[in-house]
Amino acid sequence: YWAWWIAWSPFVGIFIARISRGRTIREFIVGVLGVPTLFVFAWLTIFGGTALYLELFEEGAGIATAVAEDTTVALYATLEHLPWATLTSAIATLLIATYFITSSASGTYVIDALVSRGSTHSPKRQRVIWGITEGAVAATLLIVGGERALDSLQTASLTGGLPVAIILAFCCYSLLRALRREYRVEGVEAPWR
């Protein structure tokens, strides 16, 4: 889970930096670290706990068996055992589609910004071309290689996460040094001393 986030951190970081311009460091940390962490904690606690409860105490839930065969059905296998299964499954599908669309749009935005040398006013046509290219590459990989190609791509992304993790460690150290230097320039004692 974390290796995946580390591998994608350059894209996510550039996107978040662009949309967070003008925010304080405190607002940035709460908005980027606090809120998503609480959301993931709540999500995993509620749905993971529900799946475990159903598997342990409900006769014939079969969630573990379904997930052992195909991990992508975990959410839907859990929702089948809850009230309004059809409605909640439709909402889950809508949320997943929204997640993929916004992730793709932000990735396209970052790629466009990188090739435009940071320009915020690149032609919309250029962003559309990058979006179409991104979708075409994904579709080609799925059609030609199927699930094995997707697994290979995910493995490559995760393997790329190791060097990025080392770079991120240096970035964290550099950020702390820059913040300390800024506090000294402003004449304020750093709160972490």
Protein backbone atom coordinates (compact mmCIF):
# COMPACT_ATOMS: atom_id res chain seq x y z
CA TYR A 1 0.00 0.00 0.00
CA TRP A 2 2.64 2.54 1.04
CA ALA A 3 5.06 1.50 -1.71
CA TRP A 4 2.33 2.34 -4.22
CA TRP A 5 1.90 5.83 -2.76
CA ILE A 6 5.65 6.40 -2.68
CA ALA A 7 5.95 5.37 -6.33
CA TRP A 8 3.24 7.87 -7.30
CA SER A 9 4.44 10.63 -4.96
CA PRO A 10 6.19 12.73 -7.65
CA PHE A 11 2.94 13.04 -9.64
CA VAL A 12 0.76 13.49 -6.58
CA GLY A 13 3.23 15.96 -5.06
CA ILE A 14 3.34 18.16 -8.14
CA PHE A 15 -0.45 18.13 -8.41
CA ILE A 16 -0.98 18.95 -4.72
CA ALA A 17 1.66 21.68 -4.83
CA ARG A 18 -0.13 23.31 -7.76
CA ILE A 19 -3.55 23.26 -6.12
CA SER A 20 -2.23 24.26 -2.67
CA ARG A 21 -0.62 27.52 -3.70
CA GLY A 22 -1.35 30.22 -1.12
CA ARG A 23 -2.07 27.84 1.75
CA THR A 24 -0.15 27.81 5.01
CA ILE A 25 1.97 24.82 5.96
CA ARG A 26 -0.53 23.94 8.69
CA GLU A 27 -3.46 24.01 6.22
CA PHE A 28 -1.43 21.96 3.78
CA ILE A 29 -0.55 19.28 6.35
CA VAL A 30 -4.11 19.02 7.65
CA GLY A 31 -5.57 18.91 4.14
CA VAL A 32 -3.02 16.58 2.58
CA LEU A 33 -2.03 14.33 5.48
CA GLY A 34 -4.68 14.62 8.17
CA VAL A 35 -7.95 14.35 6.27
CA PRO A 36 -6.91 11.51 3.90
CA THR A 37 -5.35 9.55 6.77
CA LEU A 38 -8.54 9.82 8.81
CA PHE A 39 -10.62 8.84 5.77
CA VAL A 40 -8.47 5.76 5.03
CA PHE A 41 -8.51 4.80 8.72
CA ALA A 42 -12.30 5.07 8.84
CA TRP A 43 -12.71 3.22 5.52
CA LEU A 44 -10.45 0.31 6.48
CA THR A 45 -11.91 0.12 9.98
CA ILE A 46 -15.54 0.17 8.87
CA PHE A 47 -15.36 -2.03 5.78
CA GLY A 48 -12.51 -4.26 6.95
CA GLY A 49 -14.14 -4.73 10.35
CA THR A 50 -17.50 -5.45 8.72
CA ALA A 51 -15.95 -8.04 6.39
CA LEU A 52 -14.16 -9.71 9.29
CA TYR A 53 -17.32 -9.73 11.41
CA LEU A 54 -19.37 -11.22 8.57
CA GLU A 55 -16.74 -13.85 7.86
CA LEU A 56 -16.38 -14.86 11.52
CA PHE A 57 -19.96 -14.68 12.76
CA GLU A 58 -22.28 -14.97 9.76
CA GLU A 59 -22.78 -18.50 8.50
CA GLY A 60 -21.82 -18.89 4.86
CA ALA A 61 -20.69 -15.31 4.20
CA GLY A 62 -17.92 -16.62 1.92
CA ILE A 63 -16.10 -13.30 1.72
CA ALA A 64 -12.68 -14.87 2.33
CA THR A 65 -13.30 -17.47 -0.37
CA ALA A 66 -14.39 -14.83 -2.89
CA VAL A 67 -11.39 -12.62 -2.10
CA ALA A 68 -8.99 -15.59 -2.31
CA GLU A 69 -10.19 -16.18 -5.87
CA ASP A 70 -10.21 -12.51 -6.93
CA THR A 71 -9.11 -9.66 -4.65
CA THR A 72 -10.94 -7.07 -6.73
CA VAL A 73 -14.33 -8.32 -5.48
CA ALA A 74 -13.62 -7.69 -1.77
CA LEU A 75 -15.78 -4.58 -1.48
CA TYR A 76 -18.67 -6.01 -3.47
CA ALA A 77 -18.53 -9.34 -1.60
CA THR A 78 -18.87 -7.39 1.66
CA LEU A 79 -21.65 -5.14 0.36
CA GLU A 80 -23.69 -8.20 -0.73
CA HIS A 81 -24.28 -9.02 2.93
CA LEU A 82 -25.44 -5.55 3.95
CA PRO A 83 -28.83 -3.87 3.50
CA TRP A 84 -29.46 -2.17 0.14
CA ALA A 85 -26.68 -4.17 -1.54
CA THR A 86 -27.66 -3.09 -5.06
CA LEU A 87 -27.77 0.59 -4.16
CA THR A 88 -24.50 0.55 -2.20
CA SER A 89 -22.78 -1.43 -4.98
CA ALA A 90 -23.93 1.16 -7.53
CA ILE A 91 -22.67 3.99 -5.29
CA ALA A 92 -19.35 2.16 -4.82
CA THR A 93 -18.98 1.75 -8.59
CA LEU A 94 -19.72 5.45 -9.09
CA LEU A 95 -17.14 6.42 -6.45
CA ILE A 96 -14.51 4.11 -7.98
CA ALA A 97 -15.17 5.56 -11.45
CA THR A 98 -14.92 9.09 -10.03
CA TYR A 99 -11.63 8.17 -8.35
CA PHE A 100 -10.17 6.81 -11.60
CA ILE A 101 -11.35 9.80 -13.63
CA THR A 102 -9.98 12.39 -11.19
CA SER A 103 -6.71 10.45 -10.83
CA SER A 104 -6.33 10.31 -14.59
CA ALA A 105 -7.19 14.00 -14.95
CA SER A 106 -4.67 15.04 -12.30
CA GLY A 107 -2.00 12.77 -13.84
CA THR A 108 -2.68 14.32 -17.23
CA TYR A 109 -2.47 17.78 -15.65
CA VAL A 110 0.94 16.97 -14.13
CA ILE A 111 2.34 15.47 -17.34
CA ASP A 112 1.10 18.50 -19.25
CA ALA A 113 2.72 20.85 -16.72
CA LEU A 114 6.02 18.96 -16.94
CA VAL A 115 6.20 19.06 -20.73
CA SER A 116 5.09 22.71 -20.73
CA ARG A 117 8.00 23.59 -18.42
CA GLY A 118 5.66 24.54 -15.59
CA SER A 119 3.41 26.80 -17.62
CA THR A 120 -0.08 27.10 -16.19
CA HIS A 121 -1.45 28.24 -19.55
CA SER A 122 -0.65 25.35 -21.87
CA PRO A 123 -3.08 24.72 -24.74
CA LYS A 124 -6.11 22.63 -23.74
CA ARG A 125 -5.60 20.57 -26.88
CA GLN A 126 -2.22 19.47 -25.51
CA ARG A 127 -3.81 18.24 -22.27
CA VAL A 128 -6.48 16.38 -24.26
CA ILE A 129 -3.76 14.70 -26.34
CA TRP A 130 -1.97 13.57 -23.17
CA GLY A 131 -5.23 12.23 -21.74
CA ILE A 132 -6.00 10.28 -24.91
CA THR A 133 -2.44 8.94 -25.00
CA GLU A 134 -2.67 7.86 -21.36
CA GLY A 135 -5.96 6.05 -21.99
CA ALA A 136 -4.67 4.45 -25.20
CA VAL A 137 -1.57 3.09 -23.47
CA ALA A 138 -3.66 1.65 -20.62
CA ALA A 139 -6.17 0.10 -23.03
CA THR A 140 -3.39 -1.36 -25.19
CA LEU A 141 -1.70 -2.93 -22.17
CA LEU A 142 -4.96 -4.48 -21.00
CA ILE A 143 -5.95 -5.75 -24.46
CA VAL A 144 -2.54 -7.13 -25.44
CA GLY A 145 -1.33 -8.51 -22.13
CA GLY A 146 -4.46 -8.75 -20.05
CA GLU A 147 -4.06 -9.08 -16.32
CA ARG A 148 -0.42 -10.19 -16.59
CA ALA A 149 0.54 -6.91 -18.27
CA LEU A 150 -1.24 -4.97 -15.54
CA ASP A 151 0.58 -7.00 -12.86
CA SER A 152 3.91 -6.30 -14.59
CA LEU A 153 3.15 -2.59 -14.77
CA GLN A 154 2.20 -2.51 -11.08
CA THR A 155 5.38 -4.40 -10.14
CA ALA A 156 7.48 -1.94 -12.15
CA SER A 157 5.77 1.00 -10.45
CA LEU A 158 6.38 -0.47 -7.01
CA THR A 159 10.00 -1.28 -7.84
CA GLY A 160 10.45 2.33 -8.90
CA GLY A 161 9.17 3.33 -5.47
CA LEU A 162 12.42 2.31 -3.71
CA PRO A 163 14.64 4.98 -5.28
CA VAL A 164 11.84 7.51 -4.87
CA ALA A 165 11.63 6.61 -1.16
CA ILE A 166 15.33 7.39 -0.75
CA ILE A 167 14.89 10.71 -2.56
CA LEU A 168 11.86 11.48 -0.37
CA ALA A 169 13.94 10.90 2.78
CA PHE A 170 16.40 13.54 1.55
CA CYS A 171 13.49 15.84 0.66
CA CYS A 172 12.09 15.55 4.19
CA TYR A 173 15.48 16.41 5.65
CA SER A 174 15.83 19.37 3.27
CA LEU A 175 12.34 20.61 4.17
CA LEU A 176 13.18 20.59 7.88
CA ARG A 177 16.43 22.48 7.22
CA ALA A 178 14.60 25.07 5.10
CA LEU A 179 11.93 25.55 7.76
CA ARG A 180 14.57 26.00 10.48
CA ARG A 181 16.40 28.53 8.31
CA GLU A 182 13.16 30.42 7.70
CA TYR A 183 12.41 30.52 11.42
CA ARG A 184 15.88 31.94 12.09
CA VAL A 185 15.43 34.61 9.40
CA GLU A 186 12.04 35.58 10.87
CA GLY A 187 13.54 35.63 14.38
CA VAL A 188 11.09 33.08 15.77
CA GLU A 189 12.12 30.06 17.83
CA ALA A 190 11.33 26.80 16.04
CA PRO A 191 8.52 24.94 17.86
CA TRP A 192 10.27 21.55 17.61
CA ARG A 193 13.33 22.51 19.66
